[in-house]
Amino acid sequence: MECKYCHDKKERSQEEMKALINRLNRIEGQIRGIKGMLEKDAYCADIIVQTAAVSAALGSFNKELLASHIKSCVAEDIRQGNDETVDELVLLIQKLMK
């Protein structure tokens, strides 16, 4: 299902966009660091700790994006009587909880 309010695009404030991009840049840096660790034959446990940190960072990114989605797209769709958006949200949360 498609969010009828957001369609295929979501306009974000400059502040929101900057915060999300900054998070992704940090995650990207962590990934490069892990790659460097592998190339330098780092100890497995040290690499695992770093990959766990990346997983947590992605989880935080998803939480922030989900909160924004609920507050804007989902709330607006419900206000407009598009209750099927709740079904979309439930499916999305199920995917995140796998």
N, C-alpha and C. Protein backbone atom coordinates (compact mmCIF):
# COMPACT_ATOMS: atom_id res chain seq x y z
N MET A 1 0.83 -1.19 0.00
CA MET A 1 0.00 0.00 0.00
C MET A 1 0.87 1.24 0.00
N GLU A 2 0.37 2.27 -0.59
CA GLU A 2 1.09 3.52 -0.70
C GLU A 2 0.49 4.55 0.25
N CYS A 3 1.32 5.29 0.89
CA CYS A 3 0.85 6.39 1.74
C CYS A 3 0.27 7.46 0.83
N LYS A 4 -1.02 7.68 0.92
CA LYS A 4 -1.69 8.61 0.01
C LYS A 4 -1.25 10.05 0.21
N TYR A 5 -0.83 10.38 1.42
CA TYR A 5 -0.38 11.74 1.70
C TYR A 5 1.02 11.97 1.13
N CYS A 6 1.90 10.96 1.29
CA CYS A 6 3.30 11.13 0.91
C CYS A 6 3.55 10.76 -0.55
N HIS A 7 2.73 9.91 -1.08
CA HIS A 7 2.91 9.40 -2.44
C HIS A 7 4.28 8.72 -2.51
N ASP A 8 5.03 8.99 -3.55
CA ASP A 8 6.34 8.36 -3.66
C ASP A 8 7.45 9.25 -3.11
N LYS A 9 7.08 10.42 -2.67
CA LYS A 9 8.07 11.36 -2.17
C LYS A 9 7.62 11.91 -0.82
N LYS A 10 8.57 12.37 -0.06
CA LYS A 10 8.30 12.98 1.24
C LYS A 10 9.15 14.22 1.35
N GLU A 11 8.51 15.36 1.44
CA GLU A 11 9.27 16.59 1.65
C GLU A 11 9.66 16.68 3.11
N ARG A 12 10.93 16.96 3.33
CA ARG A 12 11.45 17.08 4.69
C ARG A 12 12.03 18.47 4.88
N SER A 13 11.99 18.94 6.10
CA SER A 13 12.61 20.23 6.40
C SER A 13 14.13 20.08 6.24
N GLN A 14 14.79 21.20 6.06
CA GLN A 14 16.25 21.16 5.96
C GLN A 14 16.87 20.58 7.22
N GLU A 15 16.29 20.91 8.36
CA GLU A 15 16.80 20.41 9.64
C GLU A 15 16.67 18.89 9.73
N GLU A 16 15.49 18.36 9.35
CA GLU A 16 15.28 16.91 9.38
C GLU A 16 16.21 16.22 8.39
N MET A 17 16.32 16.76 7.18
CA MET A 17 17.19 16.17 6.16
C MET A 17 18.64 16.15 6.64
N LYS A 18 19.09 17.25 7.22
CA LYS A 18 20.46 17.34 7.70
C LYS A 18 20.73 16.30 8.79
N ALA A 19 19.79 16.15 9.72
CA ALA A 19 19.96 15.18 10.81
C ALA A 19 20.03 13.76 10.26
N LEU A 20 19.16 13.43 9.32
CA LEU A 20 19.16 12.08 8.74
C LEU A 20 20.44 11.81 7.95
N ILE A 21 20.84 12.78 7.14
CA ILE A 21 22.08 12.63 6.36
C ILE A 21 23.28 12.49 7.28
N ASN A 22 23.33 13.27 8.35
CA ASN A 22 24.44 13.16 9.31
C ASN A 22 24.50 11.76 9.91
N ARG A 23 23.34 11.20 10.26
CA ARG A 23 23.32 9.84 10.81
C ARG A 23 23.85 8.84 9.79
N LEU A 24 23.39 8.97 8.54
CA LEU A 24 23.85 8.06 7.50
C LEU A 24 25.34 8.22 7.23
N ASN A 25 25.84 9.44 7.28
CA ASN A 25 27.28 9.64 7.08
C ASN A 25 28.10 8.98 8.18
N ARG A 26 27.60 9.06 9.43
CA ARG A 26 28.30 8.38 10.52
C ARG A 26 28.28 6.86 10.32
N ILE A 27 27.13 6.34 9.91
CA ILE A 27 27.03 4.89 9.66
C ILE A 27 27.96 4.49 8.53
N GLU A 28 27.99 5.30 7.48
CA GLU A 28 28.89 5.02 6.36
C GLU A 28 30.34 4.99 6.82
N GLY A 29 30.70 5.91 7.70
CA GLY A 29 32.05 5.93 8.26
C GLY A 29 32.34 4.68 9.08
N GLN A 30 31.35 4.24 9.84
CA GLN A 30 31.52 3.01 10.62
C GLN A 30 31.75 1.81 9.69
N ILE A 31 31.00 1.76 8.60
CA ILE A 31 31.16 0.66 7.64
C ILE A 31 32.55 0.69 7.03
N ARG A 32 33.01 1.87 6.65
CA ARG A 32 34.38 1.98 6.11
C ARG A 32 35.41 1.53 7.14
N GLY A 33 35.15 1.87 8.41
CA GLY A 33 36.05 1.45 9.48
C GLY A 33 36.10 -0.07 9.61
N ILE A 34 34.95 -0.71 9.49
CA ILE A 34 34.90 -2.17 9.56
C ILE A 34 35.66 -2.78 8.39
N LYS A 35 35.47 -2.21 7.21
CA LYS A 35 36.20 -2.70 6.03
C LYS A 35 37.71 -2.58 6.27
N GLY A 36 38.13 -1.46 6.83
CA GLY A 36 39.54 -1.27 7.14
C GLY A 36 40.04 -2.28 8.15
N MET A 37 39.20 -2.60 9.13
CA MET A 37 39.58 -3.60 10.13
C MET A 37 39.80 -4.95 9.46
N LEU A 38 38.91 -5.30 8.54
CA LEU A 38 39.07 -6.57 7.83
C LEU A 38 40.35 -6.59 7.02
N GLU A 39 40.61 -5.48 6.32
CA GLU A 39 41.81 -5.41 5.49
C GLU A 39 43.09 -5.48 6.32
N LYS A 40 43.00 -5.08 7.59
CA LYS A 40 44.17 -5.11 8.48
C LYS A 40 44.17 -6.35 9.37
N ASP A 41 43.31 -7.32 9.02
CA ASP A 41 43.25 -8.59 9.75
C ASP A 41 42.96 -8.40 11.24
N ALA A 42 42.03 -7.51 11.55
CA ALA A 42 41.66 -7.26 12.95
C ALA A 42 41.03 -8.52 13.55
N TYR A 43 41.08 -8.58 14.85
CA TYR A 43 40.52 -9.69 15.61
C TYR A 43 39.01 -9.76 15.39
N CYS A 44 38.50 -10.96 15.18
CA CYS A 44 37.08 -11.16 14.86
C CYS A 44 36.14 -10.50 15.87
N ALA A 45 36.42 -10.66 17.15
CA ALA A 45 35.54 -10.11 18.18
C ALA A 45 35.46 -8.59 18.08
N ASP A 46 36.58 -7.94 17.75
CA ASP A 46 36.58 -6.49 17.60
C ASP A 46 35.69 -6.05 16.43
N ILE A 47 35.74 -6.81 15.35
CA ILE A 47 34.90 -6.50 14.18
C ILE A 47 33.44 -6.71 14.53
N ILE A 48 33.14 -7.77 15.24
CA ILE A 48 31.75 -8.05 15.63
C ILE A 48 31.19 -6.92 16.50
N VAL A 49 31.99 -6.40 17.40
CA VAL A 49 31.55 -5.28 18.24
C VAL A 49 31.19 -4.09 17.36
N GLN A 50 32.00 -3.83 16.36
CA GLN A 50 31.74 -2.70 15.47
C GLN A 50 30.50 -2.94 14.60
N THR A 51 30.30 -4.16 14.13
CA THR A 51 29.10 -4.43 13.33
C THR A 51 27.85 -4.31 14.19
N ALA A 52 27.95 -4.67 15.46
CA ALA A 52 26.81 -4.49 16.37
C ALA A 52 26.50 -3.01 16.54
N ALA A 53 27.54 -2.19 16.59
CA ALA A 53 27.34 -0.74 16.71
C ALA A 53 26.65 -0.19 15.47
N VAL A 54 27.01 -0.70 14.29
CA VAL A 54 26.36 -0.28 13.05
C VAL A 54 24.90 -0.69 13.05
N SER A 55 24.62 -1.91 13.50
CA SER A 55 23.23 -2.37 13.58
C SER A 55 22.41 -1.48 14.50
N ALA A 56 22.98 -1.10 15.63
CA ALA A 56 22.28 -0.22 16.56
C ALA A 56 22.06 1.15 15.93
N ALA A 57 23.05 1.65 15.22
CA ALA A 57 22.92 2.96 14.57
C ALA A 57 21.84 2.93 13.49
N LEU A 58 21.76 1.85 12.73
CA LEU A 58 20.70 1.72 11.73
C LEU A 58 19.34 1.63 12.40
N GLY A 59 19.28 0.94 13.53
CA GLY A 59 18.03 0.85 14.28
C GLY A 59 17.57 2.22 14.74
N SER A 60 18.49 3.03 15.23
CA SER A 60 18.16 4.39 15.66
C SER A 60 17.69 5.24 14.48
N PHE A 61 18.34 5.08 13.34
CA PHE A 61 17.94 5.79 12.13
C PHE A 61 16.50 5.41 11.76
N ASN A 62 16.21 4.10 11.77
CA ASN A 62 14.86 3.64 11.44
C ASN A 62 13.83 4.17 12.43
N LYS A 63 14.15 4.21 13.71
CA LYS A 63 13.21 4.73 14.71
C LYS A 63 12.89 6.20 14.44
N GLU A 64 13.91 6.98 14.12
CA GLU A 64 13.70 8.40 13.84
C GLU A 64 12.83 8.59 12.58
N LEU A 65 13.14 7.82 11.55
CA LEU A 65 12.38 7.93 10.30
C LEU A 65 10.95 7.44 10.48
N LEU A 66 10.77 6.37 11.24
CA LEU A 66 9.42 5.84 11.51
C LEU A 66 8.60 6.85 12.29
N ALA A 67 9.19 7.48 13.28
CA ALA A 67 8.47 8.49 14.06
C ALA A 67 8.01 9.63 13.16
N SER A 68 8.88 10.07 12.28
CA SER A 68 8.52 11.13 11.35
C SER A 68 7.39 10.69 10.43
N HIS A 69 7.46 9.47 9.95
CA HIS A 69 6.44 8.92 9.06
C HIS A 69 5.07 8.88 9.76
N ILE A 70 5.07 8.43 11.00
CA ILE A 70 3.82 8.34 11.76
C ILE A 70 3.24 9.74 12.00
N LYS A 71 4.10 10.68 12.41
CA LYS A 71 3.63 12.02 12.74
C LYS A 71 3.13 12.80 11.53
N SER A 72 3.65 12.47 10.36
CA SER A 72 3.25 13.23 9.17
C SER A 72 2.34 12.39 8.26
N CYS A 73 2.91 11.47 7.55
CA CYS A 73 2.17 10.70 6.54
C CYS A 73 0.98 9.94 7.13
N VAL A 74 1.24 9.15 8.14
CA VAL A 74 0.19 8.30 8.72
C VAL A 74 -0.90 9.16 9.34
N ALA A 75 -0.50 10.14 10.14
CA ALA A 75 -1.49 11.00 10.80
C ALA A 75 -2.35 11.73 9.78
N GLU A 76 -1.74 12.25 8.73
CA GLU A 76 -2.49 12.98 7.71
C GLU A 76 -3.46 12.05 6.97
N ASP A 77 -2.99 10.85 6.63
CA ASP A 77 -3.88 9.89 5.96
C ASP A 77 -5.08 9.55 6.83
N ILE A 78 -4.87 9.34 8.11
CA ILE A 78 -5.97 9.00 9.02
C ILE A 78 -6.94 10.18 9.11
N ARG A 79 -6.41 11.39 9.20
CA ARG A 79 -7.27 12.58 9.24
C ARG A 79 -8.14 12.67 7.99
N GLN A 80 -7.59 12.21 6.86
CA GLN A 80 -8.32 12.26 5.59
C GLN A 80 -9.20 11.03 5.39
N GLY A 81 -9.28 10.16 6.40
CA GLY A 81 -10.15 9.00 6.33
C GLY A 81 -9.54 7.80 5.63
N ASN A 82 -8.25 7.82 5.39
CA ASN A 82 -7.56 6.71 4.72
C ASN A 82 -7.04 5.73 5.77
N ASP A 83 -7.95 4.98 6.36
CA ASP A 83 -7.59 4.08 7.46
C ASP A 83 -6.71 2.91 7.03
N GLU A 84 -6.65 2.62 5.73
CA GLU A 84 -5.80 1.51 5.27
C GLU A 84 -4.32 1.81 5.53
N THR A 85 -4.01 3.06 5.79
CA THR A 85 -2.64 3.43 6.14
C THR A 85 -2.19 2.74 7.42
N VAL A 86 -3.13 2.47 8.30
CA VAL A 86 -2.80 1.76 9.55
C VAL A 86 -2.32 0.35 9.21
N ASP A 87 -2.97 -0.30 8.24
CA ASP A 87 -2.52 -1.63 7.81
C ASP A 87 -1.10 -1.56 7.25
N GLU A 88 -0.82 -0.53 6.46
CA GLU A 88 0.53 -0.34 5.92
C GLU A 88 1.54 -0.17 7.05
N LEU A 89 1.16 0.61 8.06
CA LEU A 89 2.05 0.84 9.19
C LEU A 89 2.31 -0.46 9.95
N VAL A 90 1.29 -1.26 10.16
CA VAL A 90 1.45 -2.54 10.85
C VAL A 90 2.43 -3.44 10.08
N LEU A 91 2.28 -3.50 8.76
CA LEU A 91 3.20 -4.31 7.94
C LEU A 91 4.63 -3.79 8.05
N LEU A 92 4.77 -2.47 8.04
CA LEU A 92 6.09 -1.88 8.15
C LEU A 92 6.74 -2.23 9.48
N ILE A 93 5.99 -2.12 10.56
CA ILE A 93 6.53 -2.44 11.89
C ILE A 93 6.88 -3.93 11.97
N GLN A 94 6.08 -4.78 11.37
CA GLN A 94 6.40 -6.21 11.35
C GLN A 94 7.71 -6.46 10.62
N LYS A 95 7.95 -5.77 9.53
CA LYS A 95 9.22 -5.92 8.79
C LYS A 95 10.39 -5.46 9.64
N LEU A 96 10.18 -4.38 10.38
CA LEU A 96 11.27 -3.86 11.21
C LEU A 96 11.60 -4.78 12.38
N MET A 97 10.63 -5.56 12.81
CA MET A 97 10.81 -6.41 13.99
C MET A 97 11.32 -7.81 13.64
N LYS A 98 11.63 -8.07 12.40
CA LYS A 98 12.13 -9.40 12.03
C LYS A 98 13.49 -9.64 12.61
